[in-house]
C-alpha cells in the first residue's frame, strides 16, 4: 500500500430509499439538461426554430442510449448476447460503450436532419458536439462514483484504491490505481471549454465541420492514449496490441483530421445572428 494513495469508497447511490437514484444517472441527466440549455442558446443566437430543440433532444437521447447499449453488446460481449438476445434490452444491468453511443448520435443527427431541420447534418454536428463534450466528462464522473473503468497500478500521489469494486479487489487488492475516469473527464471538460471558445469567440461555426472535427480528434485521441493505462474491459483484449477501445478510436480520429483540413481549406461562410428563435415573435416596439 502506498502512503499517499486515496481510498475511494463513495456509495454509487445518491439516494437508496424510497427510490434508488444513482450518481451515474444523475450525471447523465445533468449533462442532458445543461446540453439542452447550451444548444438552445446557440439555436436562438442563430435564429433556428425553438421547436427543433425538443425533437433533437429526443433523437439524441434515443441514439445515445440505444447506440451505447448495442455497441457494448456487439463490440465487447457478442458471444454472450448472441446466445441471450433477450438480455440486450436490460440496460439497467450495465454495459454501455461510448463508441456505440457516438455511432448512435451520428445516426440520430442524420435522421433529425432528414426529417426535421432539412439542413446539412454538419450544421447540427457543429453545434451538438459542444455540449456532448460536457456530457462525456460528467458521465466519466459517474463512472468514478461507480468505481468502474479505472486503470492499472500507480505510485502517483493521486492513485486510488477502489474498495467498493469487486474487480479492483480481485486484481489489485491493497494497490492504488490510476483514476482514469478523472483523466478522461478532465480531457473532455477542457475540450468543452475549447469548443465553446471556438463557437462564441472565434465564430468557428462559419467553417462547417471544423468544430465537429476538433471534437472527434479531442475525444478519441485522448481516449486512445488513456487506454494504455486503463484495464481491458474484456479478456479477449489481453492478446491484442491495441485494445478494442483504441481500435474503435482510430477511425474517429482520422475522420476528425479530414474534417478539420477540409473546413480550413474552404472559404469561411458569413452567417447572420438575429438572436431570436425563428418561431419567436419579435418584441413589440413601444
Protein backbone atom coordinates (compact mmCIF):
# COMPACT_ATOMS: atom_id res chain seq x y z
CA UNK A 1 0.00 0.00 0.00
CA UNK A 2 1.29 3.47 -0.81
CA UNK A 3 1.04 6.01 1.98
CA UNK A 4 -0.21 8.71 -0.39
CA UNK A 5 -2.95 6.63 -2.01
CA UNK A 6 -6.57 7.76 -1.87
CA UNK A 7 -9.17 5.32 -0.59
CA UNK A 8 -12.24 5.75 -2.80
CA UNK A 9 -15.30 4.31 -1.09
CA UNK A 10 -18.10 6.54 -2.37
CA UNK A 11 -21.55 4.98 -2.44
CA UNK A 12 -22.74 4.80 -6.07
CA UNK A 13 -26.27 5.50 -4.81
CA UNK A 14 -27.12 9.11 -4.07
CA UNK A 15 -30.49 8.02 -2.66
CA UNK A 16 -31.44 4.41 -1.98
CA UNK A 17 -34.90 4.80 -0.42
CA UNK A 18 -37.78 5.02 -1.20
CA UNK A 19 -36.40 5.04 -4.76
CA UNK A 20 -32.83 4.48 -5.91
CA UNK A 21 -31.06 7.38 -7.59
CA UNK A 22 -27.50 6.67 -8.66
CA UNK A 23 -24.81 9.26 -9.14
CA UNK A 24 -24.23 7.91 -12.66
CA UNK A 25 -27.82 8.55 -13.65
CA UNK A 26 -27.74 11.99 -12.04
CA UNK A 27 -24.60 12.95 -14.00
CA UNK A 28 -26.27 11.70 -17.18
CA UNK A 29 -29.41 13.75 -16.50
CA UNK A 30 -27.50 16.90 -15.56
CA UNK A 31 -25.48 16.60 -18.75
CA UNK A 32 -28.56 16.38 -20.94
CA UNK A 33 -30.26 19.31 -19.16
CA UNK A 34 -27.18 21.51 -19.49
CA UNK A 35 -26.75 20.39 -23.08
CA UNK A 36 -30.35 21.34 -23.83
CA UNK A 37 -29.73 24.83 -22.44
CA UNK A 38 -26.47 25.29 -24.37
CA UNK A 39 -27.95 24.16 -27.69
CA UNK A 40 -30.98 26.36 -27.02
CA UNK A 41 -28.74 29.40 -26.65
CA UNK A 42 -26.97 28.58 -29.92
CA UNK A 43 -30.22 27.99 -31.79
CA UNK A 44 -31.58 31.31 -30.56
CA UNK A 45 -28.30 33.06 -31.38
CA UNK A 46 -28.54 31.85 -34.98
CA UNK A 47 -32.30 32.15 -35.43
CA UNK A 48 -33.18 28.44 -35.61
CA UNK A 49 -36.72 27.35 -34.63
CA UNK A 50 -37.19 26.68 -30.92
CA UNK A 51 -39.35 23.62 -31.67
CA UNK A 52 -36.25 21.87 -33.01
CA UNK A 53 -34.82 21.67 -29.50
CA UNK A 54 -37.24 19.11 -28.11
CA UNK A 55 -37.11 17.00 -31.25
CA UNK A 56 -33.31 17.00 -31.29
CA UNK A 57 -33.22 16.02 -27.60
CA UNK A 58 -35.47 13.03 -28.26
CA UNK A 59 -33.38 11.88 -31.24
CA UNK A 60 -30.08 12.29 -29.38
CA UNK A 61 -31.21 10.63 -26.16
CA UNK A 62 -32.55 7.67 -28.10
CA UNK A 63 -29.46 7.43 -30.28
CA UNK A 64 -27.11 7.68 -27.31
CA UNK A 65 -28.75 5.01 -25.17
CA UNK A 66 -29.55 2.57 -27.97
CA UNK A 67 -26.18 3.04 -29.67
CA UNK A 68 -24.18 2.74 -26.43
CA UNK A 69 -26.04 -0.42 -25.44
CA UNK A 70 -25.74 -2.10 -28.83
CA UNK A 71 -22.11 -1.02 -29.05
CA UNK A 72 -21.32 -2.80 -25.79
CA UNK A 73 -23.20 -5.91 -26.84
CA UNK A 74 -21.63 -6.11 -30.32
CA UNK A 75 -18.09 -4.88 -29.61
CA UNK A 76 -17.40 -6.36 -26.20
CA UNK A 77 -19.72 -9.25 -25.28
CA UNK A 78 -21.22 -10.56 -28.50
CA UNK A 79 -20.57 -14.18 -27.55
CA UNK A 80 -22.81 -13.77 -24.51
CA UNK A 81 -25.55 -11.57 -26.02
CA UNK A 82 -25.78 -13.59 -29.23
CA UNK A 83 -26.71 -16.54 -27.03
CA UNK A 84 -29.02 -14.42 -24.82
CA UNK A 85 -30.51 -11.74 -27.11
CA UNK A 86 -33.36 -11.08 -24.68
CA UNK A 87 -30.83 -9.54 -22.29
CA UNK A 88 -29.78 -6.84 -24.76
CA UNK A 89 -32.64 -4.58 -23.65
CA UNK A 90 -31.65 -4.85 -19.97
CA UNK A 91 -29.76 -1.56 -19.90
CA UNK A 92 -30.24 -1.30 -16.13
CA UNK A 93 -27.90 -4.27 -15.65
CA UNK A 94 -24.98 -2.21 -17.00
CA UNK A 95 -22.96 -2.26 -20.20
CA UNK A 96 -22.70 0.89 -22.34
CA UNK A 97 -19.96 1.66 -24.86
CA UNK A 98 -19.05 5.24 -25.72
CA UNK A 99 -18.09 4.34 -29.29
CA UNK A 100 -21.51 2.78 -29.82
CA UNK A 101 -23.08 5.90 -28.32
CA UNK A 102 -21.12 8.04 -30.80
CA UNK A 103 -22.41 5.97 -33.71
CA UNK A 104 -25.93 6.21 -32.32
CA UNK A 105 -25.71 10.01 -32.09
CA UNK A 106 -24.42 10.22 -35.66
CA UNK A 107 -27.38 8.21 -36.91
CA UNK A 108 -29.76 10.31 -34.78
CA UNK A 109 -28.41 13.56 -36.26
CA UNK A 110 -28.72 12.20 -39.79
CA UNK A 111 -32.37 11.35 -39.11
CA UNK A 112 -33.01 14.71 -37.42
CA UNK A 113 -31.51 16.50 -40.44
CA UNK A 114 -33.54 14.42 -42.88
CA UNK A 115 -36.93 14.66 -41.18
CA UNK A 116 -36.79 17.87 -39.14
CA UNK A 117 -34.18 20.54 -39.90
CA UNK A 118 -33.81 19.82 -43.65
CA UNK A 119 -30.29 21.22 -43.25
CA UNK A 120 -26.90 19.63 -43.74
CA UNK A 121 -26.12 17.22 -40.88
CA UNK A 122 -22.82 19.09 -40.45
CA UNK A 123 -24.77 22.14 -39.28
CA UNK A 124 -26.21 20.10 -36.41
CA UNK A 125 -22.97 18.27 -35.60
CA UNK A 126 -21.02 21.52 -35.23
CA UNK A 127 -23.43 22.72 -32.56
CA UNK A 128 -24.38 19.49 -30.85
CA UNK A 129 -20.89 18.18 -30.12
CA UNK A 130 -20.12 21.15 -27.86
CA UNK A 131 -22.44 20.03 -25.04
CA UNK A 132 -21.68 16.38 -25.82
CA UNK A 133 -18.10 17.02 -24.68
CA UNK A 134 -19.52 18.26 -21.38
CA UNK A 135 -21.83 15.26 -21.09
CA UNK A 136 -18.89 12.93 -21.73
CA UNK A 137 -16.99 14.44 -18.82
CA UNK A 138 -19.97 14.15 -16.49
CA UNK A 139 -20.54 10.52 -17.47
CA UNK A 140 -16.90 9.73 -16.62
CA UNK A 141 -17.51 11.25 -13.19
CA UNK A 142 -20.47 8.88 -12.96
CA UNK A 143 -18.07 6.02 -13.71
CA UNK A 144 -15.90 7.29 -10.86
CA UNK A 145 -18.82 7.11 -8.44
CA UNK A 146 -19.46 3.56 -9.69
CA UNK A 147 -15.79 2.67 -9.06
CA UNK A 148 -15.51 1.36 -12.62
CA UNK A 149 -13.29 1.86 -15.69
CA UNK A 150 -10.14 2.54 -13.66
CA UNK A 151 -6.54 1.99 -14.69
CA UNK A 152 -3.61 -0.14 -13.67
CA UNK A 153 -1.38 0.22 -10.59
CA UNK A 154 0.42 3.51 -9.94
CA UNK A 155 2.66 5.08 -7.30
CA UNK A 156 1.48 8.59 -8.16
CA UNK A 157 0.09 10.55 -5.19
CA UNK A 158 -3.40 10.68 -6.71
CA UNK A 159 -3.63 6.91 -7.18
CA UNK A 160 -6.91 5.50 -5.84
CA UNK A 161 -7.93 2.29 -4.10
CA UNK A 162 -11.43 1.45 -5.35
CA UNK A 163 -12.51 -0.56 -2.32
CA UNK A 164 -16.14 -0.88 -3.49
CA UNK A 165 -15.11 -2.53 -6.76
CA UNK A 166 -15.09 -6.32 -6.95
CA UNK A 167 -12.82 -6.03 -9.98
CA UNK A 168 -10.27 -3.97 -8.04
CA UNK A 169 -10.36 -6.33 -5.06
CA UNK A 170 -9.74 -9.27 -7.40
CA UNK A 171 -6.97 -7.68 -9.49
CA UNK A 172 -5.21 -5.13 -7.28
CA UNK A 173 -6.01 -5.66 -3.57
CA UNK A 174 -4.29 -3.02 -1.42
CA UNK A 175 -2.75 -1.36 -4.53
CA UNK A 176 -3.57 2.15 -5.76
CA UNK A 177 -4.60 2.51 -9.42
CA UNK A 178 -4.83 5.26 -11.99
CA UNK A 179 -8.18 7.11 -11.72
CA UNK A 180 -8.58 7.07 -15.49
CA UNK A 181 -12.18 8.23 -15.13
CA UNK A 182 -10.82 11.56 -13.85
CA UNK A 183 -8.21 11.73 -16.61
CA UNK A 184 -10.88 11.36 -19.27
CA UNK A 185 -13.28 13.74 -17.54
CA UNK A 186 -10.61 16.47 -17.40
CA UNK A 187 -9.82 15.97 -21.10
CA UNK A 188 -13.50 16.26 -22.03
CA UNK A 189 -14.08 19.33 -19.85
CA UNK A 190 -11.03 21.02 -21.40
CA UNK A 191 -12.35 20.13 -24.86
CA UNK A 192 -15.76 21.57 -23.93
CA UNK A 193 -14.10 24.86 -22.97
CA UNK A 194 -12.15 24.93 -26.25
CA UNK A 195 -15.25 24.27 -28.36
CA UNK A 196 -17.26 26.93 -26.51
CA UNK A 197 -14.45 29.40 -27.18
CA UNK A 198 -14.35 28.40 -30.85
CA UNK A 199 -18.09 28.94 -31.23
CA UNK A 200 -18.68 32.09 -29.18
CA UNK A 201 -15.37 33.90 -29.63
CA UNK A 202 -14.00 32.72 -32.97
CA UNK A 203 -17.22 32.08 -34.91
CA UNK A 204 -15.84 28.70 -35.97
CA UNK A 205 -19.33 27.58 -36.92
CA UNK A 206 -18.76 29.62 -40.07
CA UNK A 207 -16.37 26.89 -41.17
CA UNK A 208 -18.65 23.82 -41.45
CA UNK A 209 -17.09 20.71 -39.98
CA UNK A 210 -14.32 22.46 -38.04
CA UNK A 211 -15.91 22.20 -34.58
CA UNK A 212 -17.05 18.64 -35.25
CA UNK A 213 -13.56 17.68 -36.44
CA UNK A 214 -11.85 19.17 -33.38
CA UNK A 215 -14.34 17.31 -31.19
CA UNK A 216 -13.61 13.96 -32.82
CA UNK A 217 -9.85 14.40 -32.52
CA UNK A 218 -10.07 15.72 -28.96
CA UNK A 219 -12.32 12.98 -27.62
CA UNK A 220 -10.94 9.94 -29.36
CA UNK A 221 -7.25 10.84 -29.34
CA UNK A 222 -7.36 11.37 -25.57
CA UNK A 223 -9.31 8.13 -25.25
CA UNK A 224 -6.70 6.34 -27.38
CA UNK A 225 -3.78 7.35 -25.15
CA UNK A 226 -5.59 6.87 -21.83
CA UNK A 227 -6.44 3.31 -22.88
CA UNK A 228 -2.74 2.43 -22.47
CA UNK A 229 -3.09 2.72 -18.68
CA UNK A 230 -6.69 1.55 -18.45
CA UNK A 231 -7.70 -2.03 -17.71
CA UNK A 232 -9.09 -4.01 -20.61
CA UNK A 233 -12.85 -4.37 -20.39
CA UNK A 234 -12.93 -7.93 -21.72
CA UNK A 235 -10.50 -10.88 -21.55
CA UNK A 236 -10.17 -11.20 -25.33
CA UNK A 237 -8.41 -7.79 -25.40
CA UNK A 238 -5.45 -9.13 -23.41
CA UNK A 239 -3.93 -10.65 -26.55
CA UNK A 240 -4.40 -7.53 -28.67
CA UNK A 241 -1.64 -4.99 -29.38
CA UNK A 242 -4.26 -2.26 -29.24
CA UNK A 243 -7.42 -2.93 -27.26
CA UNK A 244 -10.93 -2.61 -28.65
CA UNK A 245 -11.37 0.96 -27.41
CA UNK A 246 -8.20 2.04 -29.23
CA UNK A 247 -9.10 0.23 -32.45
CA UNK A 248 -12.51 1.87 -32.45
CA UNK A 249 -11.00 5.30 -31.74
CA UNK A 250 -8.66 5.38 -34.76
CA UNK A 251 -11.38 5.83 -37.46
CA UNK A 252 -12.95 8.69 -35.46
CA UNK A 253 -9.58 10.48 -35.12
CA UNK A 254 -8.88 10.12 -38.85
CA UNK A 255 -12.35 11.40 -39.70
CA UNK A 256 -11.76 14.39 -37.42
CA UNK A 257 -8.48 15.24 -39.14
CA UNK A 258 -10.16 15.08 -42.55
CA UNK A 259 -12.97 17.37 -41.37
CA UNK A 260 -10.52 19.92 -39.93
CA UNK A 261 -8.39 20.07 -43.09
CA UNK A 262 -11.48 20.24 -45.29
CA UNK A 263 -13.01 23.05 -43.22
CA UNK A 264 -9.84 25.14 -43.21
CA UNK A 265 -9.31 24.77 -46.97
CA UNK A 266 -12.78 26.02 -47.83
CA UNK A 267 -13.85 29.68 -47.69
CA UNK A 268 -15.48 30.87 -44.47
CA UNK A 269 -19.24 31.32 -44.59
CA UNK A 270 -20.68 34.55 -43.24
CA UNK A 271 -23.70 33.88 -41.06
CA UNK A 272 -26.21 36.29 -39.58
CA UNK A 273 -27.10 36.17 -35.90
CA UNK A 274 -30.61 37.53 -35.23
CA UNK A 275 -30.51 36.45 -31.56
CA UNK A 276 -34.08 35.20 -31.51
CA UNK A 277 -35.73 31.93 -32.46
CA UNK A 278 -37.19 31.73 -35.95
CA UNK A 279 -40.61 30.97 -34.46
CA UNK A 280 -40.30 33.62 -31.76
CA UNK A 281 -42.44 36.71 -32.19
CA UNK A 282 -40.40 39.93 -32.33
CA UNK A 283 -40.77 42.24 -29.36
CA UNK A 284 -43.32 44.99 -29.86
CA UNK A 285 -41.91 48.47 -30.16
CA UNK A 286 -43.12 50.91 -27.54
